Each structure stands twice: as C-alpha cells, then as structure tokens.
Amino acid sequence: MGKSKIENNVRTLRFMKNEMTQADLAKELGVSRQTVVAIEKGQYSPSLELALKISKVFEKSVEEIFYIQE
C-alpha cells in the first residue's frame, strides 16, 4: 500500500460560508491563521480535536471535510 495523503475541503467550505477569511476561521478555532493556511495546503494534518472543531464550524462531518488521497 502506497503512502496516503490527507486532503481537505476547508478552503471551499470557507468560501461557501459567506466567504469566511482564514483569519476568521482561525479565530473561531483558537489557532493561528498560519495553521489554517497549512491545513488548507495539506502541509499539516489537524488533531482530532481540531478536526472536530472545524466540522462544527462548517456543520459537516469530519469525513465530508477530510479524506485520504492515495
């Protein structure tokens, strides 16, 4: 089995939620804007706690936001 990469729909969901900025999302989550940038670019996989907070903000399941790309 090859290396899997976790992808996400955070950027798309931000725009669908009244064009929410990275800074706005970061403030709601209690993280830095740079953390949001890293998550969106797939450079950082959030902790389970942070993933659940993101799912709550967007009112989506974790699986609707994050998925494995093989």
N, C-alpha and C. Protein backbone atom coordinates (compact mmCIF):
# COMPACT_ATOMS: atom_id res chain seq x y z
N MET A 1 0.84 -1.18 0.00
CA MET A 1 0.00 0.00 0.00
C MET A 1 0.88 1.24 0.00
N GLY A 2 0.62 2.17 -0.91
CA GLY A 2 1.42 3.38 -1.02
C GLY A 2 1.10 4.38 0.07
N LYS A 3 1.90 5.42 0.13
CA LYS A 3 1.70 6.45 1.13
C LYS A 3 0.43 7.23 0.83
N SER A 4 -0.39 7.40 1.84
CA SER A 4 -1.65 8.14 1.71
C SER A 4 -1.44 9.58 2.13
N LYS A 5 -2.19 10.47 1.51
CA LYS A 5 -2.13 11.88 1.86
C LYS A 5 -3.53 12.33 2.24
N ILE A 6 -3.63 13.06 3.33
CA ILE A 6 -4.93 13.57 3.75
C ILE A 6 -5.19 14.89 3.03
N GLU A 7 -6.29 14.92 2.30
CA GLU A 7 -6.73 16.11 1.58
C GLU A 7 -7.91 16.70 2.34
N ASN A 8 -8.30 17.93 1.97
CA ASN A 8 -9.44 18.53 2.66
C ASN A 8 -10.17 19.54 1.78
N ASN A 9 -11.36 19.90 2.24
CA ASN A 9 -12.21 20.87 1.54
C ASN A 9 -12.36 22.16 2.34
N VAL A 10 -11.42 22.47 3.21
CA VAL A 10 -11.55 23.62 4.09
C VAL A 10 -11.67 24.92 3.30
N ARG A 11 -10.82 25.11 2.32
CA ARG A 11 -10.86 26.35 1.53
C ARG A 11 -12.23 26.53 0.87
N THR A 12 -12.72 25.49 0.22
CA THR A 12 -14.02 25.55 -0.45
C THR A 12 -15.13 25.86 0.55
N LEU A 13 -15.09 25.20 1.69
CA LEU A 13 -16.12 25.41 2.70
C LEU A 13 -16.08 26.83 3.27
N ARG A 14 -14.88 27.40 3.39
CA ARG A 14 -14.77 28.78 3.86
C ARG A 14 -15.51 29.72 2.91
N PHE A 15 -15.28 29.54 1.61
CA PHE A 15 -15.91 30.42 0.63
C PHE A 15 -17.43 30.21 0.59
N MET A 16 -17.86 29.00 0.84
CA MET A 16 -19.30 28.71 0.85
C MET A 16 -19.97 29.28 2.10
N LYS A 17 -19.19 29.58 3.12
CA LYS A 17 -19.73 30.14 4.37
C LYS A 17 -19.48 31.65 4.37
N ASN A 18 -20.17 32.34 3.49
CA ASN A 18 -20.09 33.80 3.39
C ASN A 18 -18.67 34.31 3.17
N GLU A 19 -17.90 33.57 2.38
CA GLU A 19 -16.52 33.95 2.06
C GLU A 19 -15.71 34.24 3.32
N MET A 20 -15.82 33.36 4.28
CA MET A 20 -15.08 33.45 5.54
C MET A 20 -13.58 33.54 5.25
N THR A 21 -12.89 34.42 5.94
CA THR A 21 -11.45 34.55 5.75
C THR A 21 -10.71 33.51 6.58
N GLN A 22 -9.45 33.30 6.24
CA GLN A 22 -8.62 32.40 7.03
C GLN A 22 -8.50 32.92 8.46
N ALA A 23 -8.39 34.23 8.60
CA ALA A 23 -8.28 34.83 9.93
C ALA A 23 -9.55 34.60 10.75
N ASP A 24 -10.72 34.73 10.11
CA ASP A 24 -11.99 34.49 10.80
C ASP A 24 -12.09 33.05 11.29
N LEU A 25 -11.72 32.12 10.42
CA LEU A 25 -11.76 30.71 10.79
C LEU A 25 -10.77 30.43 11.92
N ALA A 26 -9.58 30.98 11.81
CA ALA A 26 -8.57 30.78 12.85
C ALA A 26 -9.06 31.28 14.20
N LYS A 27 -9.70 32.43 14.21
CA LYS A 27 -10.23 33.00 15.45
C LYS A 27 -11.30 32.08 16.06
N GLU A 28 -12.20 31.57 15.22
CA GLU A 28 -13.24 30.65 15.71
C GLU A 28 -12.65 29.37 16.29
N LEU A 29 -11.54 28.91 15.69
CA LEU A 29 -10.93 27.65 16.11
C LEU A 29 -9.93 27.83 17.26
N GLY A 30 -9.48 29.07 17.48
CA GLY A 30 -8.48 29.32 18.52
C GLY A 30 -7.08 28.92 18.09
N VAL A 31 -6.80 29.07 16.78
CA VAL A 31 -5.48 28.77 16.24
C VAL A 31 -4.98 29.97 15.44
N SER A 32 -3.75 29.91 14.97
CA SER A 32 -3.22 31.00 14.15
C SER A 32 -3.70 30.87 12.70
N ARG A 33 -3.67 31.98 11.99
CA ARG A 33 -4.02 31.96 10.57
C ARG A 33 -3.08 31.04 9.81
N GLN A 34 -1.80 31.01 10.23
CA GLN A 34 -0.82 30.14 9.58
C GLN A 34 -1.19 28.67 9.70
N THR A 35 -1.82 28.30 10.80
CA THR A 35 -2.29 26.92 10.97
C THR A 35 -3.37 26.60 9.95
N VAL A 36 -4.30 27.53 9.76
CA VAL A 36 -5.36 27.34 8.76
C VAL A 36 -4.75 27.22 7.37
N VAL A 37 -3.78 28.07 7.05
CA VAL A 37 -3.10 28.01 5.75
C VAL A 37 -2.46 26.64 5.56
N ALA A 38 -1.74 26.16 6.57
CA ALA A 38 -1.06 24.86 6.48
C ALA A 38 -2.05 23.71 6.30
N ILE A 39 -3.18 23.77 6.99
CA ILE A 39 -4.21 22.74 6.84
C ILE A 39 -4.75 22.75 5.41
N GLU A 40 -5.10 23.94 4.92
CA GLU A 40 -5.65 24.06 3.56
C GLU A 40 -4.69 23.54 2.50
N LYS A 41 -3.40 23.77 2.68
CA LYS A 41 -2.39 23.34 1.71
C LYS A 41 -2.02 21.87 1.88
N GLY A 42 -2.56 21.21 2.90
CA GLY A 42 -2.24 19.82 3.14
C GLY A 42 -0.87 19.62 3.75
N GLN A 43 -0.30 20.69 4.30
CA GLN A 43 1.02 20.60 4.92
C GLN A 43 0.94 20.20 6.39
N TYR A 44 -0.28 20.25 6.93
CA TYR A 44 -0.48 19.94 8.34
C TYR A 44 -1.81 19.21 8.49
N SER A 45 -1.77 18.07 9.16
CA SER A 45 -3.00 17.34 9.47
C SER A 45 -3.43 17.70 10.88
N PRO A 46 -4.63 18.22 11.04
CA PRO A 46 -5.05 18.67 12.36
C PRO A 46 -5.27 17.50 13.32
N SER A 47 -5.19 17.83 14.59
CA SER A 47 -5.51 16.84 15.62
C SER A 47 -6.99 16.48 15.51
N LEU A 48 -7.37 15.42 16.15
CA LEU A 48 -8.78 15.03 16.15
C LEU A 48 -9.63 16.15 16.74
N GLU A 49 -9.17 16.74 17.81
CA GLU A 49 -9.91 17.84 18.45
C GLU A 49 -10.12 18.99 17.48
N LEU A 50 -9.08 19.39 16.78
CA LEU A 50 -9.19 20.49 15.82
C LEU A 50 -10.07 20.11 14.64
N ALA A 51 -9.96 18.88 14.17
CA ALA A 51 -10.80 18.42 13.06
C ALA A 51 -12.28 18.47 13.46
N LEU A 52 -12.57 18.10 14.70
CA LEU A 52 -13.95 18.14 15.18
C LEU A 52 -14.45 19.58 15.31
N LYS A 53 -13.58 20.49 15.74
CA LYS A 53 -13.95 21.91 15.80
C LYS A 53 -14.25 22.45 14.41
N ILE A 54 -13.43 22.06 13.44
CA ILE A 54 -13.65 22.50 12.05
C ILE A 54 -14.98 21.97 11.54
N SER A 55 -15.27 20.72 11.85
CA SER A 55 -16.54 20.13 11.39
C SER A 55 -17.73 20.85 12.02
N LYS A 56 -17.58 21.29 13.25
CA LYS A 56 -18.66 22.03 13.92
C LYS A 56 -18.88 23.40 13.27
N VAL A 57 -17.80 24.10 12.95
CA VAL A 57 -17.90 25.41 12.31
C VAL A 57 -18.67 25.31 10.99
N PHE A 58 -18.35 24.29 10.21
CA PHE A 58 -18.96 24.15 8.88
C PHE A 58 -20.22 23.28 8.87
N GLU A 59 -20.57 22.74 10.04
CA GLU A 59 -21.74 21.88 10.16
C GLU A 59 -21.70 20.72 9.15
N LYS A 60 -20.53 20.11 9.06
CA LYS A 60 -20.28 18.95 8.20
C LYS A 60 -19.60 17.88 9.03
N SER A 61 -19.70 16.63 8.59
CA SER A 61 -18.97 15.57 9.29
C SER A 61 -17.48 15.68 8.95
N VAL A 62 -16.66 15.12 9.79
CA VAL A 62 -15.21 15.14 9.55
C VAL A 62 -14.90 14.51 8.19
N GLU A 63 -15.63 13.44 7.85
CA GLU A 63 -15.39 12.74 6.59
C GLU A 63 -15.76 13.58 5.36
N GLU A 64 -16.66 14.55 5.55
CA GLU A 64 -17.02 15.45 4.45
C GLU A 64 -15.96 16.52 4.23
N ILE A 65 -15.12 16.74 5.23
CA ILE A 65 -14.09 17.78 5.15
C ILE A 65 -12.73 17.19 4.81
N PHE A 66 -12.38 16.09 5.46
CA PHE A 66 -11.07 15.46 5.29
C PHE A 66 -11.23 14.09 4.65
N TYR A 67 -10.33 13.76 3.72
CA TYR A 67 -10.39 12.47 3.05
C TYR A 67 -8.98 12.05 2.65
N ILE A 68 -8.81 10.76 2.46
CA ILE A 68 -7.50 10.21 2.11
C ILE A 68 -7.36 10.11 0.59
N GLN A 69 -6.27 10.66 0.09
CA GLN A 69 -5.93 10.60 -1.33
C GLN A 69 -4.73 9.66 -1.45
N GLU A 70 -4.90 8.56 -2.17
CA GLU A 70 -3.80 7.59 -2.30
C GLU A 70 -3.05 7.77 -3.58
